[in-house]
Amino acid sequence: MEIVVAFLFVVLVLFGLDRMMLWLERRGHVNWRRTGRRNLSAEPTAELDSLLVNSAPERAHQS
């Protein structure tokens, strides 16, 4: 009986999450169902290492 209750609880939670995601998508907060996953390799990179290296000498001269 405990397994049945646990299974029903899991089904209820998954159904509630699905309804919540549909509601959020309808309001424009998420759009993962329409667009799918983004290709991260096609996204621009921040190149934070080069930003930190280039800004270090400027800070030394400002002091």
PDB file of N, CA and C in Angstrom:
ATOM      1  N   MET A   1       0.825  -1.195   0.000  1.00  0.00           N
ATOM      2  CA  MET A   1       0.000   0.000   0.000  1.00  0.00           C
ATOM      3  C   MET A   1       0.871   1.261   0.000  1.00  0.00           C
ATOM      4  N   GLU A   2       1.996   1.226   0.729  1.00  0.00           N
ATOM      5  CA  GLU A   2       2.882   2.398   0.765  1.00  0.00           C
ATOM      6  C   GLU A   2       3.452   2.698  -0.603  1.00  0.00           C
ATOM      7  N   ILE A   3       3.720   1.651  -1.372  1.00  0.00           N
ATOM      8  CA  ILE A   3       4.266   1.852  -2.718  1.00  0.00           C
ATOM      9  C   ILE A   3       3.236   2.528  -3.610  1.00  0.00           C
ATOM     10  N   VAL A   4       1.989   2.151  -3.464  1.00  0.00           N
ATOM     11  CA  VAL A   4       0.914   2.758  -4.260  1.00  0.00           C
ATOM     12  C   VAL A   4       0.782   4.235  -3.914  1.00  0.00           C
ATOM     13  N   VAL A   5       0.833   4.560  -2.639  1.00  0.00           N
ATOM     14  CA  VAL A   5       0.739   5.962  -2.208  1.00  0.00           C
ATOM     15  C   VAL A   5       1.937   6.751  -2.729  1.00  0.00           C
ATOM     16  N   ALA A   6       3.131   6.170  -2.650  1.00  0.00           N
ATOM     17  CA  ALA A   6       4.324   6.852  -3.150  1.00  0.00           C
ATOM     18  C   ALA A   6       4.239   7.062  -4.655  1.00  0.00           C
ATOM     19  N   PHE A   7       3.754   6.062  -5.383  1.00  0.00           N
ATOM     20  CA  PHE A   7       3.613   6.189  -6.830  1.00  0.00           C
ATOM     21  C   PHE A   7       2.596   7.274  -7.185  1.00  0.00           C
ATOM     22  N   LEU A   8       1.464   7.298  -6.490  1.00  0.00           N
ATOM     23  CA  LEU A   8       0.463   8.343  -6.742  1.00  0.00           C
ATOM     24  C   LEU A   8       1.011   9.731  -6.426  1.00  0.00           C
ATOM     25  N   PHE A   9       1.810   9.827  -5.369  1.00  0.00           N
ATOM     26  CA  PHE A   9       2.425  11.108  -5.025  1.00  0.00           C
ATOM     27  C   PHE A   9       3.376  11.565  -6.129  1.00  0.00           C
ATOM     28  N   VAL A  10       4.179  10.647  -6.668  1.00  0.00           N
ATOM     29  CA  VAL A  10       5.100  10.980  -7.755  1.00  0.00           C
ATOM     30  C   VAL A  10       4.323  11.433  -8.981  1.00  0.00           C
ATOM     31  N   VAL A  11       3.252  10.734  -9.314  1.00  0.00           N
ATOM     32  CA  VAL A  11       2.425  11.110 -10.466  1.00  0.00           C
ATOM     33  C   VAL A  11       1.826  12.487 -10.252  1.00  0.00           C
ATOM     34  N   LEU A  12       1.356  12.753  -9.053  1.00  0.00           N
ATOM     35  CA  LEU A  12       0.767  14.063  -8.746  1.00  0.00           C
ATOM     36  C   LEU A  12       1.802  15.178  -8.866  1.00  0.00           C
ATOM     37  N   VAL A  13       2.996  14.953  -8.365  1.00  0.00           N
ATOM     38  CA  VAL A  13       4.054  15.968  -8.449  1.00  0.00           C
ATOM     39  C   VAL A  13       4.449  16.212  -9.894  1.00  0.00           C
ATOM     40  N   LEU A  14       4.636  15.161 -10.670  1.00  0.00           N
ATOM     41  CA  LEU A  14       5.008  15.342 -12.079  1.00  0.00           C
ATOM     42  C   LEU A  14       3.917  16.053 -12.862  1.00  0.00           C
ATOM     43  N   PHE A  15       2.667  15.711 -12.609  1.00  0.00           N
ATOM     44  CA  PHE A  15       1.557  16.393 -13.280  1.00  0.00           C
ATOM     45  C   PHE A  15       1.520  17.869 -12.889  1.00  0.00           C
ATOM     46  N   GLY A  16       1.723  18.153 -11.610  1.00  0.00           N
ATOM     47  CA  GLY A  16       1.731  19.547 -11.160  1.00  0.00           C
ATOM     48  C   GLY A  16       2.877  20.340 -11.765  1.00  0.00           C
ATOM     49  N   LEU A  17       4.058  19.731 -11.864  1.00  0.00           N
ATOM     50  CA  LEU A  17       5.189  20.421 -12.481  1.00  0.00           C
ATOM     51  C   LEU A  17       4.944  20.686 -13.958  1.00  0.00           C
ATOM     52  N   ASP A  18       4.337  19.719 -14.643  1.00  0.00           N
ATOM     53  CA  ASP A  18       4.029  19.914 -16.058  1.00  0.00           C
ATOM     54  C   ASP A  18       3.041  21.061 -16.252  1.00  0.00           C
ATOM     55  N   ARG A  19       2.009  21.112 -15.410  1.00  0.00           N
ATOM     56  CA  ARG A  19       1.028  22.209 -15.510  1.00  0.00           C
ATOM     57  C   ARG A  19       1.687  23.548 -15.195  1.00  0.00           C
ATOM     58  N   MET A  20       2.590  23.567 -14.202  1.00  0.00           N
ATOM     59  CA  MET A  20       3.270  24.808 -13.845  1.00  0.00           C
ATOM     60  C   MET A  20       4.166  25.285 -14.995  1.00  0.00           C
ATOM     61  N   MET A  21       4.874  24.359 -15.646  1.00  0.00           N
ATOM     62  CA  MET A  21       5.721  24.746 -16.773  1.00  0.00           C
ATOM     63  C   MET A  21       4.880  25.276 -17.926  1.00  0.00           C
ATOM     64  N   LEU A  22       3.739  24.665 -18.200  1.00  0.00           N
ATOM     65  CA  LEU A  22       2.855  25.177 -19.249  1.00  0.00           C
ATOM     66  C   LEU A  22       2.345  26.565 -18.897  1.00  0.00           C
ATOM     67  N   TRP A  23       2.011  26.793 -17.633  1.00  0.00           N
ATOM     68  CA  TRP A  23       1.531  28.102 -17.201  1.00  0.00           C
ATOM     69  C   TRP A  23       2.632  29.156 -17.340  1.00  0.00           C
ATOM     70  N   LEU A  24       3.859  28.797 -16.924  1.00  0.00           N
ATOM     71  CA  LEU A  24       4.979  29.737 -17.045  1.00  0.00           C
ATOM     72  C   LEU A  24       5.292  30.022 -18.511  1.00  0.00           C
ATOM     73  N   GLU A  25       5.192  29.002 -19.356  1.00  0.00           N
ATOM     74  CA  GLU A  25       5.453  29.210 -20.776  1.00  0.00           C
ATOM     75  C   GLU A  25       4.388  30.117 -21.395  1.00  0.00           C
ATOM     76  N   ARG A  26       3.150  29.927 -21.017  1.00  0.00           N
ATOM     77  CA  ARG A  26       2.068  30.762 -21.536  1.00  0.00           C
ATOM     78  C   ARG A  26       2.260  32.229 -21.148  1.00  0.00           C
ATOM     79  N   ARG A  27       2.810  32.457 -19.960  1.00  0.00           N
ATOM     80  CA  ARG A  27       3.037  33.835 -19.510  1.00  0.00           C
ATOM     81  C   ARG A  27       4.341  34.421 -20.037  1.00  0.00           C
ATOM     82  N   GLY A  28       5.135  33.621 -20.766  1.00  0.00           N
ATOM     83  CA  GLY A  28       6.355  34.128 -21.373  1.00  0.00           C
ATOM     84  C   GLY A  28       7.602  34.001 -20.524  1.00  0.00           C
ATOM     85  N   HIS A  29       7.544  33.286 -19.420  1.00  0.00           N
ATOM     86  CA  HIS A  29       8.715  33.165 -18.555  1.00  0.00           C
ATOM     87  C   HIS A  29       9.709  32.125 -19.049  1.00  0.00           C
ATOM     88  N   VAL A  30       9.229  31.079 -19.686  1.00  0.00           N
ATOM     89  CA  VAL A  30      10.102  30.047 -20.247  1.00  0.00           C
ATOM     90  C   VAL A  30       9.612  29.733 -21.657  1.00  0.00           C
ATOM     91  N   ASN A  31      10.523  29.289 -22.502  1.00  0.00           N
ATOM     92  CA  ASN A  31      10.115  28.924 -23.858  1.00  0.00           C
ATOM     93  C   ASN A  31      10.871  27.690 -24.333  1.00  0.00           C
ATOM     94  N   TRP A  32      11.196  26.788 -23.437  1.00  0.00           N
ATOM     95  CA  TRP A  32      12.001  25.632 -23.803  1.00  0.00           C
ATOM     96  C   TRP A  32      11.226  24.632 -24.642  1.00  0.00           C
ATOM     97  N   ARG A  33       9.931  24.569 -24.544  1.00  0.00           N
ATOM     98  CA  ARG A  33       9.172  23.605 -25.347  1.00  0.00           C
ATOM     99  C   ARG A  33       9.087  24.040 -26.802  1.00  0.00           C
ATOM    100  N   ARG A  34       9.031  25.329 -27.055  1.00  0.00           N
ATOM    101  CA  ARG A  34       8.910  25.809 -28.434  1.00  0.00           C
ATOM    102  C   ARG A  34      10.240  25.809 -29.148  1.00  0.00           C
ATOM    103  N   THR A  35      11.293  26.206 -28.486  1.00  0.00           N
ATOM    104  CA  THR A  35      12.561  26.434 -29.172  1.00  0.00           C
ATOM    105  C   THR A  35      13.533  25.274 -29.045  1.00  0.00           C
ATOM    106  N   GLY A  36      13.355  24.410 -28.080  1.00  0.00           N
ATOM    107  CA  GLY A  36      14.320  23.343 -27.877  1.00  0.00           C
ATOM    108  C   GLY A  36      15.579  23.890 -27.216  1.00  0.00           C
ATOM    109  N   ARG A  37      16.606  23.083 -27.188  1.00  0.00           N
ATOM    110  CA  ARG A  37      17.852  23.505 -26.542  1.00  0.00           C
ATOM    111  C   ARG A  37      18.664  24.391 -27.464  1.00  0.00           C
ATOM    112  N   ARG A  38      19.342  25.362 -26.879  1.00  0.00           N
ATOM    113  CA  ARG A  38      20.226  26.223 -27.661  1.00  0.00           C
ATOM    114  C   ARG A  38      21.544  25.511 -27.914  1.00  0.00           C
ATOM    115  N   ASN A  39      22.128  25.797 -29.047  1.00  0.00           N
ATOM    116  CA  ASN A  39      23.436  25.253 -29.372  1.00  0.00           C
ATOM    117  C   ASN A  39      24.482  26.131 -28.686  1.00  0.00           C
ATOM    118  N   LEU A  40      25.043  25.661 -27.587  1.00  0.00           N
ATOM    119  CA  LEU A  40      25.960  26.485 -26.805  1.00  0.00           C
ATOM    120  C   LEU A  40      27.263  26.760 -27.535  1.00  0.00           C
ATOM    121  N   SER A  41      27.669  25.867 -28.426  1.00  0.00           N
ATOM    122  CA  SER A  41      28.909  26.123 -29.162  1.00  0.00           C
ATOM    123  C   SER A  41      28.724  27.263 -30.165  1.00  0.00           C
ATOM    124  N   ALA A  42      27.493  27.581 -30.549  1.00  0.00           N
ATOM    125  CA  ALA A  42      27.243  28.687 -31.470  1.00  0.00           C
ATOM    126  C   ALA A  42      27.081  30.019 -30.735  1.00  0.00           C
ATOM    127  N   GLU A  43      26.928  29.980 -29.430  1.00  0.00           N
ATOM    128  CA  GLU A  43      26.769  31.213 -28.646  1.00  0.00           C
ATOM    129  C   GLU A  43      28.106  31.937 -28.529  1.00  0.00           C
ATOM    130  N   PRO A  44      28.093  33.259 -28.410  1.00  0.00           N
ATOM    131  CA  PRO A  44      29.358  33.981 -28.237  1.00  0.00           C
ATOM    132  C   PRO A  44      29.987  33.658 -26.887  1.00  0.00           C
ATOM    133  N   THR A  45      31.295  33.658 -26.854  1.00  0.00           N
ATOM    134  CA  THR A  45      32.009  33.382 -25.611  1.00  0.00           C
ATOM    135  C   THR A  45      32.402  34.688 -24.938  1.00  0.00           C
ATOM    136  N   ALA A  46      32.522  34.655 -23.634  1.00  0.00           N
ATOM    137  CA  ALA A  46      32.848  35.862 -22.883  1.00  0.00           C
ATOM    138  C   ALA A  46      34.340  36.128 -22.860  1.00  0.00           C
ATOM    139  N   GLU A  47      35.156  35.093 -22.973  1.00  0.00           N
ATOM    140  CA  GLU A  47      36.605  35.215 -22.914  1.00  0.00           C
ATOM    141  C   GLU A  47      37.048  35.985 -21.675  1.00  0.00           C
ATOM    142  N   LEU A  48      36.593  35.526 -20.523  1.00  0.00           N
ATOM    143  CA  LEU A  48      36.883  36.217 -19.271  1.00  0.00           C
ATOM    144  C   LEU A  48      38.370  36.215 -18.943  1.00  0.00           C
ATOM    145  N   ASP A  49      39.081  35.174 -19.339  1.00  0.00           N
ATOM    146  CA  ASP A  49      40.517  35.132 -19.058  1.00  0.00           C
ATOM    147  C   ASP A  49      41.236  36.296 -19.721  1.00  0.00           C
ATOM    148  N   SER A  50      40.910  36.576 -20.969  1.00  0.00           N
ATOM    149  CA  SER A  50      41.587  37.675 -21.651  1.00  0.00           C
ATOM    150  C   SER A  50      41.166  39.023 -21.067  1.00  0.00           C
ATOM    151  N   LEU A  51      39.937  39.138 -20.588  1.00  0.00           N
ATOM    152  CA  LEU A  51      39.502  40.389 -19.970  1.00  0.00           C
ATOM    153  C   LEU A  51      40.272  40.648 -18.677  1.00  0.00           C
ATOM    154  N   LEU A  52      40.470  39.607 -17.882  1.00  0.00           N
ATOM    155  CA  LEU A  52      41.185  39.775 -16.622  1.00  0.00           C
ATOM    156  C   LEU A  52      42.665  40.054 -16.850  1.00  0.00           C
ATOM    157  N   VAL A  53      43.263  39.416 -17.832  1.00  0.00           N
ATOM    158  CA  VAL A  53      44.680  39.623 -18.111  1.00  0.00           C
ATOM    159  C   VAL A  53      44.907  41.025 -18.646  1.00  0.00           C
ATOM    160  N   ASN A  54      44.029  41.497 -19.522  1.00  0.00           N
ATOM    161  CA  ASN A  54      44.192  42.825 -20.112  1.00  0.00           C
ATOM    162  C   ASN A  54      43.917  43.942 -19.123  1.00  0.00           C
ATOM    163  N   SER A  55      43.064  43.709 -18.129  1.00  0.00           N
ATOM    164  CA  SER A  55      42.736  44.784 -17.193  1.00  0.00           C
ATOM    165  C   SER A  55      43.734  44.871 -16.047  1.00  0.00           C
ATOM    166  N   ALA A  56      44.530  43.852 -15.812  1.00  0.00           N
ATOM    167  CA  ALA A  56      45.477  43.858 -14.687  1.00  0.00           C
ATOM    168  C   ALA A  56      46.542  44.956 -14.829  1.00  0.00           C
ATOM    169  N   PRO A  57      47.197  45.160 -15.972  1.00  0.00           N
ATOM    170  CA  PRO A  57      48.199  46.230 -16.062  1.00  0.00           C
ATOM    171  C   PRO A  57      47.587  47.619 -15.924  1.00  0.00           C
ATOM    172  N   GLU A  58      46.344  47.793 -16.391  1.00  0.00           N
ATOM    173  CA  GLU A  58      45.707  49.111 -16.277  1.00  0.00           C
ATOM    174  C   GLU A  58      45.464  49.475 -14.833  1.00  0.00           C
ATOM    175  N   ARG A  59      45.107  48.519 -14.016  1.00  0.00           N
ATOM    176  CA  ARG A  59      44.882  48.800 -12.597  1.00  0.00           C
ATOM    177  C   ARG A  59      46.168  49.144 -11.882  1.00  0.00           C
ATOM    178  N   ALA A  60      47.264  48.546 -12.287  1.00  0.00           N
ATOM    179  CA  ALA A  60      48.549  48.831 -11.667  1.00  0.00           C
ATOM    180  C   ALA A  60      48.990  50.263 -11.964  1.00  0.00           C
ATOM    181  N   HIS A  61      48.675  50.763 -13.172  1.00  0.00           N
ATOM    182  CA  HIS A  61      49.068  52.121 -13.541  1.00  0.00           C
ATOM    183  C   HIS A  61      48.138  53.169 -12.939  1.00  0.00           C
ATOM    184  N   GLN A  62      46.925  52.786 -12.582  1.00  0.00           N
ATOM    185  CA  GLN A  62      45.980  53.739 -12.031  1.00  0.00           C
ATOM    186  C   GLN A  62      46.306  54.086 -10.582  1.00  0.00           C
ATOM    187  N   SER A  63      46.975  53.239  -9.869  1.00  0.00           N
ATOM    188  CA  SER A  63      47.244  53.471  -8.441  1.00  0.00           C
ATOM    189  C   SER A  63      48.264  54.544  -8.217  1.00  0.00           C
TER     190      SER A  63
END
